């Protein structure tokens, strides 16, 4: 069972889903993250990505950037509130393996 309201969903297994954009290398990839007790998982949204391409707000995104991504919460070292497009709606996450993730929430 999953209920969604305002870009936030709750699944029956204590997983929360949020609508976001993964921002990296000057590319914005629309999609959603699933937040569980142990992981953050990102999946791109092909419909929103196609709409962005049609509006010419974004060029071609390399296929390797569209793979699902998963990060362990146990390796999260730092978390910062950030601005995206002049709005305070983003988080920047730093992990122990030197990965950094910038998520802009809708």
N, C-alpha and C. Protein backbone atom coordinates (compact mmCIF):
# COMPACT_ATOMS: atom_id res chain seq x y z
N UNK A 1 0.84 -1.17 0.00
CA UNK A 1 0.00 0.00 0.00
C UNK A 1 0.88 1.23 0.00
N UNK A 2 0.61 2.15 -0.92
CA UNK A 2 1.39 3.39 -0.96
C UNK A 2 0.46 4.57 -1.16
N UNK A 3 0.59 5.55 -0.32
CA UNK A 3 -0.20 6.78 -0.43
C UNK A 3 0.74 7.91 -0.75
N UNK A 4 0.36 8.77 -1.68
CA UNK A 4 1.22 9.89 -2.06
C UNK A 4 0.47 11.19 -1.86
N UNK A 5 1.17 12.18 -1.33
CA UNK A 5 0.58 13.51 -1.15
C UNK A 5 1.70 14.53 -1.18
N UNK A 6 1.63 15.46 -2.09
CA UNK A 6 2.62 16.53 -2.15
C UNK A 6 4.03 16.03 -2.43
N UNK A 7 4.16 15.01 -3.28
CA UNK A 7 5.48 14.51 -3.63
C UNK A 7 6.06 13.57 -2.59
N UNK A 8 5.29 13.24 -1.55
CA UNK A 8 5.79 12.35 -0.50
C UNK A 8 4.89 11.14 -0.44
N UNK A 9 5.47 9.96 -0.43
CA UNK A 9 4.71 8.73 -0.32
C UNK A 9 5.21 7.91 0.84
N UNK A 10 4.33 7.06 1.36
CA UNK A 10 4.71 6.18 2.45
C UNK A 10 4.34 4.77 2.04
N UNK A 11 5.33 3.88 1.97
CA UNK A 11 5.07 2.49 1.64
C UNK A 11 4.88 1.71 2.93
N UNK A 12 4.33 0.52 2.82
CA UNK A 12 4.04 -0.29 3.98
C UNK A 12 5.27 -0.76 4.74
N UNK A 13 6.45 -0.71 4.16
CA UNK A 13 7.66 -1.22 4.82
C UNK A 13 8.51 -0.10 5.42
N UNK A 14 7.86 0.98 5.88
CA UNK A 14 8.55 2.12 6.51
C UNK A 14 9.52 2.80 5.57
N UNK A 15 9.24 2.79 4.29
CA UNK A 15 10.04 3.50 3.30
C UNK A 15 9.28 4.75 2.88
N UNK A 16 9.98 5.87 2.83
CA UNK A 16 9.37 7.12 2.39
C UNK A 16 9.92 7.47 1.01
N UNK A 17 9.06 8.03 0.18
CA UNK A 17 9.44 8.40 -1.18
C UNK A 17 9.25 9.90 -1.35
N UNK A 18 10.26 10.57 -1.93
CA UNK A 18 10.23 12.01 -2.15
C UNK A 18 10.56 12.32 -3.60
N UNK A 19 9.87 13.28 -4.16
CA UNK A 19 10.15 13.74 -5.52
C UNK A 19 11.33 14.72 -5.46
N UNK A 20 12.39 14.46 -6.24
CA UNK A 20 13.60 15.27 -6.20
C UNK A 20 14.20 15.41 -7.59
N UNK A 21 15.24 16.23 -7.65
CA UNK A 21 16.12 16.28 -8.81
C UNK A 21 17.52 16.00 -8.30
N UNK A 22 18.19 15.06 -8.93
CA UNK A 22 19.59 14.78 -8.63
C UNK A 22 20.40 15.73 -9.50
N UNK A 23 21.21 16.58 -8.87
CA UNK A 23 21.97 17.59 -9.60
C UNK A 23 23.43 17.18 -9.56
N UNK A 24 24.02 17.00 -10.77
CA UNK A 24 25.43 16.64 -10.85
C UNK A 24 25.99 17.02 -12.20
N UNK A 25 27.22 17.49 -12.21
CA UNK A 25 27.92 17.87 -13.44
C UNK A 25 27.09 18.81 -14.31
N UNK A 26 26.37 19.72 -13.70
CA UNK A 26 25.57 20.67 -14.45
C UNK A 26 24.33 20.08 -15.07
N UNK A 27 23.95 18.87 -14.66
CA UNK A 27 22.79 18.18 -15.20
C UNK A 27 21.78 17.98 -14.08
N UNK A 28 20.52 18.21 -14.38
CA UNK A 28 19.45 17.95 -13.43
C UNK A 28 18.69 16.72 -13.89
N UNK A 29 18.60 15.71 -13.02
CA UNK A 29 17.92 14.48 -13.37
C UNK A 29 16.70 14.35 -12.47
N UNK A 30 15.49 14.53 -13.02
CA UNK A 30 14.29 14.41 -12.20
C UNK A 30 14.02 12.96 -11.83
N UNK A 31 13.49 12.77 -10.65
CA UNK A 31 13.16 11.42 -10.22
C UNK A 31 12.65 11.41 -8.81
N UNK A 32 12.91 10.32 -8.12
CA UNK A 32 12.46 10.20 -6.74
C UNK A 32 13.51 9.46 -5.93
N UNK A 33 13.52 9.76 -4.64
CA UNK A 33 14.37 8.99 -3.74
C UNK A 33 13.46 8.20 -2.81
N UNK A 34 13.92 7.02 -2.46
CA UNK A 34 13.26 6.22 -1.44
C UNK A 34 14.18 6.22 -0.23
N UNK A 35 13.65 6.61 0.89
CA UNK A 35 14.42 6.67 2.11
C UNK A 35 13.95 5.55 3.02
N UNK A 36 14.85 4.62 3.29
CA UNK A 36 14.55 3.54 4.22
C UNK A 36 15.38 3.72 5.47
N UNK A 37 15.35 2.78 6.35
CA UNK A 37 16.15 2.89 7.58
C UNK A 37 17.64 2.75 7.31
N UNK A 38 18.00 2.12 6.20
CA UNK A 38 19.42 1.85 5.94
C UNK A 38 19.97 2.48 4.67
N UNK A 39 19.12 2.87 3.72
CA UNK A 39 19.60 3.34 2.42
C UNK A 39 18.78 4.51 1.89
N UNK A 40 19.39 5.24 0.99
CA UNK A 40 18.71 6.21 0.12
C UNK A 40 18.88 5.67 -1.30
N UNK A 41 17.78 5.53 -2.02
CA UNK A 41 17.83 5.02 -3.39
C UNK A 41 17.20 6.04 -4.32
N UNK A 42 17.89 6.37 -5.43
CA UNK A 42 17.39 7.32 -6.42
C UNK A 42 17.03 6.57 -7.70
N UNK A 43 15.85 6.88 -8.24
CA UNK A 43 15.41 6.37 -9.54
C UNK A 43 14.99 7.57 -10.39
N UNK A 44 15.49 7.64 -11.62
CA UNK A 44 15.10 8.77 -12.47
C UNK A 44 13.68 8.57 -12.98
N UNK A 45 13.04 9.67 -13.38
CA UNK A 45 11.69 9.65 -13.92
C UNK A 45 11.78 9.91 -15.42
N UNK A 46 11.62 8.88 -16.26
CA UNK A 46 11.79 9.07 -17.71
C UNK A 46 10.78 10.04 -18.32
N UNK A 47 9.59 10.15 -17.75
CA UNK A 47 8.57 11.05 -18.30
C UNK A 47 8.98 12.51 -18.06
N UNK A 48 9.38 12.83 -16.84
CA UNK A 48 9.81 14.20 -16.54
C UNK A 48 11.09 14.54 -17.30
N UNK A 49 12.00 13.58 -17.46
CA UNK A 49 13.23 13.82 -18.19
C UNK A 49 12.94 14.13 -19.65
N UNK A 50 12.01 13.39 -20.25
CA UNK A 50 11.62 13.65 -21.64
C UNK A 50 10.98 15.03 -21.77
N UNK A 51 10.17 15.42 -20.79
CA UNK A 51 9.54 16.75 -20.83
C UNK A 51 10.59 17.85 -20.76
N UNK A 52 11.62 17.64 -19.93
CA UNK A 52 12.69 18.63 -19.83
C UNK A 52 13.44 18.75 -21.15
N UNK A 53 13.66 17.62 -21.82
CA UNK A 53 14.35 17.65 -23.12
C UNK A 53 13.50 18.36 -24.16
N UNK A 54 12.18 18.11 -24.15
CA UNK A 54 11.28 18.75 -25.11
C UNK A 54 11.20 20.24 -24.88
N UNK A 55 11.29 20.69 -23.64
CA UNK A 55 11.27 22.12 -23.32
C UNK A 55 12.62 22.78 -23.53
N UNK A 56 13.60 21.98 -23.92
CA UNK A 56 14.97 22.44 -24.15
C UNK A 56 15.61 23.04 -22.90
N UNK A 57 15.09 22.66 -21.74
CA UNK A 57 15.71 23.14 -20.51
C UNK A 57 16.90 22.27 -20.12
N UNK A 58 17.09 21.19 -20.89
CA UNK A 58 18.21 20.30 -20.62
C UNK A 58 18.57 19.55 -21.89
N UNK A 59 19.85 19.33 -22.08
CA UNK A 59 20.31 18.57 -23.23
C UNK A 59 20.26 17.09 -22.96
N UNK A 60 20.98 16.34 -23.76
CA UNK A 60 21.03 14.87 -23.62
C UNK A 60 21.79 14.50 -22.36
N UNK A 61 21.24 13.57 -21.61
CA UNK A 61 21.87 13.09 -20.38
C UNK A 61 22.53 11.74 -20.69
N UNK A 62 23.83 11.59 -20.39
CA UNK A 62 24.49 10.30 -20.65
C UNK A 62 23.78 9.16 -19.91
N UNK A 63 23.71 8.00 -20.53
CA UNK A 63 22.95 6.88 -19.97
C UNK A 63 23.50 6.41 -18.63
N UNK A 64 24.82 6.54 -18.42
CA UNK A 64 25.37 6.08 -17.14
C UNK A 64 24.85 6.92 -15.97
N UNK A 65 24.40 8.15 -16.24
CA UNK A 65 23.86 8.99 -15.17
C UNK A 65 22.43 8.60 -14.81
N UNK A 66 21.79 7.79 -15.65
CA UNK A 66 20.40 7.43 -15.43
C UNK A 66 20.24 6.11 -14.69
N UNK A 67 21.33 5.49 -14.31
CA UNK A 67 21.26 4.24 -13.56
C UNK A 67 20.72 4.52 -12.15
N UNK A 68 19.95 3.59 -11.59
CA UNK A 68 19.54 3.77 -10.20
C UNK A 68 20.76 3.88 -9.30
N UNK A 69 20.67 4.73 -8.30
CA UNK A 69 21.80 4.95 -7.38
C UNK A 69 21.33 4.64 -5.97
N UNK A 70 22.27 4.13 -5.19
CA UNK A 70 21.94 3.74 -3.81
C UNK A 70 23.10 4.10 -2.89
N UNK A 71 22.75 4.72 -1.76
CA UNK A 71 23.76 5.11 -0.78
C UNK A 71 23.35 4.57 0.58
N UNK A 72 24.31 4.06 1.33
CA UNK A 72 24.06 3.55 2.68
C UNK A 72 24.04 4.72 3.66
N UNK A 73 23.01 4.78 4.48
CA UNK A 73 22.92 5.84 5.48
C UNK A 73 24.00 5.71 6.55
N UNK A 74 24.48 4.50 6.76
CA UNK A 74 25.53 4.28 7.75
C UNK A 74 26.84 4.93 7.38
N UNK A 75 27.02 5.28 6.09
CA UNK A 75 28.26 5.92 5.64
C UNK A 75 28.09 7.43 5.47
N UNK A 76 26.90 7.96 5.82
CA UNK A 76 26.66 9.40 5.73
C UNK A 76 27.50 10.11 6.79
N UNK A 77 28.33 11.05 6.35
CA UNK A 77 29.23 11.76 7.25
C UNK A 77 28.71 13.15 7.57
N UNK A 78 28.27 13.88 6.53
CA UNK A 78 27.79 15.25 6.72
C UNK A 78 26.57 15.49 5.86
N UNK A 79 25.72 16.42 6.32
CA UNK A 79 24.50 16.77 5.62
C UNK A 79 24.30 18.28 5.78
N UNK A 80 24.10 18.99 4.66
CA UNK A 80 23.95 20.44 4.70
C UNK A 80 22.69 20.87 3.96
N UNK A 81 21.99 21.86 4.50
CA UNK A 81 20.91 22.53 3.79
C UNK A 81 21.55 23.40 2.71
N UNK A 82 20.98 23.40 1.52
CA UNK A 82 21.51 24.20 0.41
C UNK A 82 20.38 24.91 -0.31
N UNK A 83 20.76 25.90 -1.09
CA UNK A 83 19.83 26.58 -1.99
C UNK A 83 19.99 26.01 -3.39
N UNK A 84 18.89 25.96 -4.12
CA UNK A 84 18.90 25.55 -5.52
C UNK A 84 17.98 26.50 -6.27
N UNK A 85 18.50 27.16 -7.28
CA UNK A 85 17.76 28.17 -8.03
C UNK A 85 17.18 29.23 -7.08
N UNK A 86 18.01 29.66 -6.14
CA UNK A 86 17.71 30.71 -5.18
C UNK A 86 16.63 30.34 -4.16
N UNK A 87 16.28 29.06 -4.08
CA UNK A 87 15.30 28.61 -3.10
C UNK A 87 15.97 27.66 -2.11
N UNK A 88 15.63 27.74 -0.83
CA UNK A 88 16.22 26.82 0.16
C UNK A 88 15.50 25.47 0.14
N UNK A 89 15.76 24.68 -0.91
CA UNK A 89 15.01 23.43 -1.10
C UNK A 89 15.91 22.24 -1.38
N UNK A 90 17.19 22.32 -1.03
CA UNK A 90 18.11 21.26 -1.40
C UNK A 90 18.92 20.77 -0.21
N UNK A 91 19.45 19.57 -0.36
CA UNK A 91 20.36 18.98 0.62
C UNK A 91 21.61 18.51 -0.11
N UNK A 92 22.74 18.68 0.54
CA UNK A 92 23.99 18.14 0.02
C UNK A 92 24.48 17.11 1.04
N UNK A 93 24.70 15.89 0.57
CA UNK A 93 25.09 14.79 1.44
C UNK A 93 26.51 14.38 1.12
N UNK A 94 27.30 14.14 2.15
CA UNK A 94 28.68 13.66 2.00
C UNK A 94 28.80 12.30 2.68
N UNK A 95 29.40 11.35 1.97
CA UNK A 95 29.54 10.00 2.48
C UNK A 95 31.00 9.68 2.75
N UNK A 96 31.25 8.66 3.57
CA UNK A 96 32.60 8.29 3.99
C UNK A 96 33.48 7.87 2.82
N UNK A 97 32.88 7.36 1.73
CA UNK A 97 33.68 6.93 0.58
C UNK A 97 33.94 8.07 -0.40
N UNK A 98 33.84 9.31 0.05
CA UNK A 98 34.11 10.53 -0.72
C UNK A 98 33.04 10.85 -1.76
N UNK A 99 31.92 10.15 -1.75
CA UNK A 99 30.83 10.51 -2.65
C UNK A 99 30.10 11.72 -2.08
N UNK A 100 29.63 12.57 -2.98
CA UNK A 100 28.80 13.68 -2.55
C UNK A 100 27.57 13.71 -3.45
N UNK A 101 26.43 14.02 -2.85
CA UNK A 101 25.15 13.97 -3.56
C UNK A 101 24.42 15.28 -3.30
N UNK A 102 23.91 15.90 -4.36
CA UNK A 102 23.13 17.13 -4.25
C UNK A 102 21.72 16.83 -4.71
N UNK A 103 20.75 16.96 -3.79
CA UNK A 103 19.35 16.66 -4.08
C UNK A 103 18.51 17.93 -3.91
N UNK A 104 17.78 18.29 -4.96
CA UNK A 104 16.86 19.43 -4.91
C UNK A 104 15.45 18.90 -4.83
N UNK A 105 14.73 19.27 -3.78
CA UNK A 105 13.37 18.78 -3.57
C UNK A 105 12.37 19.67 -4.27
N UNK A 106 11.32 19.06 -4.78
CA UNK A 106 10.27 19.80 -5.50
C UNK A 106 9.33 20.48 -4.55
